[in-house]
Every structure is written in C-alpha cells, then in structure tokens.
Amino acid sequence: MGLKWKDVDFLRGSILVTRSVVDQAVGNCKTEASRKPVVMGPYIAQALVTWRQESPYADPEDWVWASPHKKGMQPLWLSTIMRYYIQPAAKRAGITKKIGWHTFRHTFATLVMYLNVEDRVVQEMMRHASPRLLDRYVQTLEGAKRQAQEQLVGSIVGPVQVMQA
C-alpha cells in the first residue's frame, strides 16, 4: 500500500519499494530484501496503466491506491479492503476458511513452488532475507501428493487399472 506512482517504472518493468504503510503510518521497509525492486510483468503493467487512467490521483507523488475519503492524501486501509471486498468475494466463491493478507503470500509461495521455480527465485520474489522462511509458506497441493503417491506405487507394482464398482 506504500506505493506512489513515481515508484512504478513502466519502462524497466519494475516497482520500487521505498516505504511501508502500517495502520496508516508511513515508514521504512523492514529489511534490505524488502527494499529491492519487484519485477512487473506486462499483465500487471497493463492493469496499473488502466488503473492510473481511471484514478483521480495519478500524479507521480500520489498513492497508487489512494483513499478517496482522505482526498488522496493517504493510501487505502488494508483492513478496509479485506473486510469489505476480499472477504465477501471469498465467501461468494465458497471459501469458508478465514483469510487475511498472508493467505495471498502462502498461496503465491505454494503455487510458484509447484511450478518448480528455484528456491532462490521464490525467496527473492517473496522478498525474504533467508530461503529458510519459505518453509513457513509453502503447502503441498493435493494433486501433487496424489501424483507422487501414484508414481511411487507405479514404480513398485507397475501400472494399476482401476476397476469400476
């Protein structure tokens, strides 16, 4: 939420993370790893271009996600976005688990690791100082567990035909 339009480098395809916002207090990023630029692919770049065209706050010093209630002088509150937009959307989608912002980090880590992306790349994408922190985030997908089990059984007993009941 601490992004201003001047932090988005459309030509280089990167986002500079220079500040953090926690409970509307603007401060420095916690670690050196969290201050590194974030790569921005064409899909995200296009979404940001579209948003900038729609936003009444599009000057370089404006917040990317500016609060209309504060006339753009502050970014939106993350808790407000979660409570009024994301959690209701999850409920409509049939997701019954409690979700928060870290849910997205866990999901991201799990999916990108499932794509066999190198640990070091995932570490940097998640902006962790140490690859050991990934162990907290990554969960095994059911399909991957099923495939591993079938591969193991197949290597022991050979191909198995499932009979219809």
Protein backbone atom coordinates (compact mmCIF):
# COMPACT_ATOMS: atom_id res chain seq x y z
CA MET A 1 0.00 0.00 0.00
CA GLY A 2 3.03 2.27 0.26
CA LEU A 3 3.39 2.68 -3.49
CA LYS A 4 3.27 6.02 -5.19
CA TRP A 5 3.06 6.37 -8.95
CA LYS A 6 6.67 7.56 -9.06
CA ASP A 7 7.66 4.09 -7.74
CA VAL A 8 6.24 2.30 -10.80
CA ASP A 9 8.80 2.12 -13.61
CA PHE A 10 6.83 1.10 -16.68
CA LEU A 11 9.87 1.30 -18.99
CA ARG A 12 12.01 -1.09 -16.92
CA GLY A 13 9.09 -3.26 -15.86
CA SER A 14 9.75 -2.86 -12.15
CA ILE A 15 8.27 -1.44 -8.99
CA LEU A 16 10.49 0.30 -6.46
CA VAL A 17 9.55 -0.42 -2.86
CA THR A 18 10.82 2.50 -0.83
CA ARG A 19 8.35 2.73 2.05
CA SER A 20 5.81 0.74 4.00
CA VAL A 21 2.46 1.74 5.43
CA VAL A 22 1.17 0.03 8.57
CA ASP A 23 -2.05 1.32 10.12
CA GLN A 24 -1.64 4.49 8.05
CA ALA A 25 1.83 5.18 9.47
CA VAL A 26 4.34 5.65 6.66
CA GLY A 27 7.77 4.25 7.45
CA ASN A 28 10.79 2.49 6.10
CA CYS A 29 10.78 -1.09 4.86
CA LYS A 30 11.82 -3.66 7.47
CA THR A 31 14.74 -5.29 5.67
CA GLU A 32 17.16 -4.76 2.82
CA ALA A 33 15.44 -7.63 0.97
CA SER A 34 12.10 -5.83 1.20
CA ARG A 35 13.58 -2.70 -0.40
CA LYS A 36 14.67 -4.41 -3.60
CA PRO A 37 12.74 -3.66 -6.80
CA VAL A 38 9.90 -6.00 -7.70
CA VAL A 39 9.64 -7.27 -11.27
CA MET A 40 6.47 -6.23 -13.07
CA GLY A 41 5.25 -8.32 -15.96
CA PRO A 42 3.11 -6.99 -18.82
CA TYR A 43 -0.19 -8.12 -17.27
CA ILE A 44 0.44 -6.18 -14.05
CA ALA A 45 1.81 -3.21 -16.01
CA GLN A 46 -1.35 -3.06 -18.13
CA ALA A 47 -3.58 -3.33 -15.06
CA LEU A 48 -1.69 -0.43 -13.46
CA VAL A 49 -1.87 1.67 -16.63
CA THR A 50 -5.63 1.10 -16.71
CA TRP A 51 -5.97 1.94 -13.02
CA ARG A 52 -3.91 5.12 -13.41
CA GLN A 53 -6.19 6.25 -16.23
CA GLU A 54 -9.24 5.70 -14.01
CA SER A 55 -7.81 7.09 -10.77
CA PRO A 56 -8.35 10.73 -9.85
CA TYR A 57 -4.94 10.51 -8.15
CA ALA A 58 -2.46 9.86 -10.96
CA ASP A 59 0.36 12.32 -10.34
CA PRO A 60 3.83 10.94 -9.54
CA GLU A 61 3.53 11.84 -5.82
CA ASP A 62 0.04 10.33 -5.49
CA TRP A 63 -0.58 6.96 -3.83
CA VAL A 64 -1.34 4.16 -6.30
CA TRP A 65 -4.24 3.09 -4.09
CA ALA A 66 -5.27 6.45 -2.67
CA SER A 67 -8.12 6.86 -0.20
CA PRO A 68 -10.96 8.87 -1.72
CA HIS A 69 -12.19 9.65 1.83
CA LYS A 70 -8.84 11.34 2.55
CA LYS A 71 -8.80 13.09 -0.86
CA GLY A 72 -5.79 11.00 -1.92
CA MET A 73 -3.61 12.21 0.95
CA GLN A 74 -3.36 8.68 2.41
CA PRO A 75 -3.47 5.20 0.89
CA LEU A 76 -6.47 2.97 1.41
CA TRP A 77 -6.61 0.99 4.64
CA LEU A 78 -5.69 -2.66 4.06
CA SER A 79 -8.15 -3.80 6.73
CA THR A 80 -10.98 -1.98 4.94
CA ILE A 81 -10.14 -3.63 1.62
CA MET A 82 -10.00 -7.04 3.29
CA ARG A 83 -13.24 -6.61 5.25
CA TYR A 84 -15.42 -5.03 2.57
CA TYR A 85 -14.09 -6.51 -0.65
CA ILE A 86 -11.84 -9.55 -0.35
CA GLN A 87 -13.58 -11.50 2.43
CA PRO A 88 -17.06 -11.05 0.88
CA ALA A 89 -15.67 -12.13 -2.51
CA ALA A 90 -14.11 -15.21 -0.89
CA LYS A 91 -17.42 -16.03 0.76
CA ARG A 92 -19.25 -15.71 -2.58
CA ALA A 93 -16.64 -18.06 -4.07
CA GLY A 94 -17.45 -20.65 -1.40
CA ILE A 95 -14.24 -20.17 0.60
CA THR A 96 -15.13 -20.75 4.23
CA LYS A 97 -11.67 -20.50 5.80
CA LYS A 98 -10.68 -17.25 7.45
CA ILE A 99 -8.41 -15.38 5.09
CA GLY A 100 -6.09 -12.45 5.55
CA TRP A 101 -3.30 -10.77 3.66
CA HIS A 102 -0.85 -13.55 4.49
CA THR A 103 -3.21 -16.01 2.78
CA PHE A 104 -2.08 -14.47 -0.51
CA ARG A 105 1.58 -14.95 0.40
CA HIS A 106 1.01 -18.60 1.30
CA THR A 107 -0.93 -19.19 -1.91
CA PHE A 108 1.68 -17.42 -4.02
CA ALA A 109 4.54 -19.40 -2.48
CA THR A 110 2.71 -22.70 -2.86
CA LEU A 111 1.76 -22.13 -6.49
CA VAL A 112 5.11 -20.78 -7.62
CA MET A 113 6.98 -23.65 -5.90
CA TYR A 114 4.58 -26.08 -7.61
CA LEU A 115 5.85 -24.65 -10.90
CA ASN A 116 9.34 -25.83 -9.86
CA VAL A 117 10.72 -22.32 -9.63
CA GLU A 118 14.13 -22.29 -7.92
CA ASP A 119 14.03 -21.64 -4.17
CA ARG A 120 16.31 -18.62 -4.52
CA VAL A 121 13.98 -17.02 -7.08
CA VAL A 122 10.94 -17.64 -4.88
CA GLN A 123 12.84 -16.23 -1.91
CA GLU A 124 13.58 -13.02 -3.78
CA MET A 125 10.08 -12.75 -5.23
CA MET A 126 8.69 -13.02 -1.70
CA ARG A 127 11.34 -10.57 -0.53
CA HIS A 128 12.67 -12.83 2.22
CA ALA A 129 16.15 -12.39 3.60
CA SER A 130 16.57 -16.17 4.00
CA PRO A 131 15.31 -19.15 1.98
CA ARG A 132 14.54 -20.94 5.29
CA LEU A 133 11.47 -18.71 5.69
CA LEU A 134 9.87 -20.40 2.67
CA ASP A 135 9.17 -23.48 4.79
CA ARG A 136 6.53 -21.45 6.65
CA TYR A 137 4.67 -20.55 3.49
CA VAL A 138 4.68 -23.49 1.13
CA GLN A 139 1.97 -26.11 1.37
CA THR A 140 1.70 -29.22 -0.74
CA LEU A 141 -1.09 -29.31 -3.30
CA GLU A 142 -3.36 -32.34 -3.18
CA GLY A 143 -2.78 -33.07 -6.86
CA ALA A 144 0.99 -33.09 -6.34
CA LYS A 145 0.67 -35.50 -3.38
CA ARG A 146 -1.63 -37.77 -5.39
CA GLN A 147 0.76 -37.75 -8.36
CA ALA A 148 3.74 -38.56 -6.11
CA GLN A 149 1.85 -41.43 -4.49
CA GLU A 150 0.82 -42.84 -7.87
CA GLN A 151 4.39 -42.58 -9.16
CA LEU A 152 5.70 -44.42 -6.11
CA VAL A 153 3.09 -47.17 -6.30
CA GLY A 154 3.64 -47.44 -10.06
CA SER A 155 7.39 -47.86 -9.57
CA ILE A 156 6.79 -50.67 -7.09
CA VAL A 157 3.88 -52.62 -8.56
CA GLY A 158 3.64 -51.31 -12.12
CA PRO A 159 0.62 -49.68 -13.77
CA VAL A 160 -2.67 -50.20 -11.95
CA GLN A 161 -6.06 -50.42 -13.64
CA VAL A 162 -8.95 -49.17 -11.51
CA MET A 163 -11.97 -51.44 -11.79
CA GLN A 164 -15.43 -49.90 -11.84
CA ALA A 165 -17.61 -50.82 -8.87
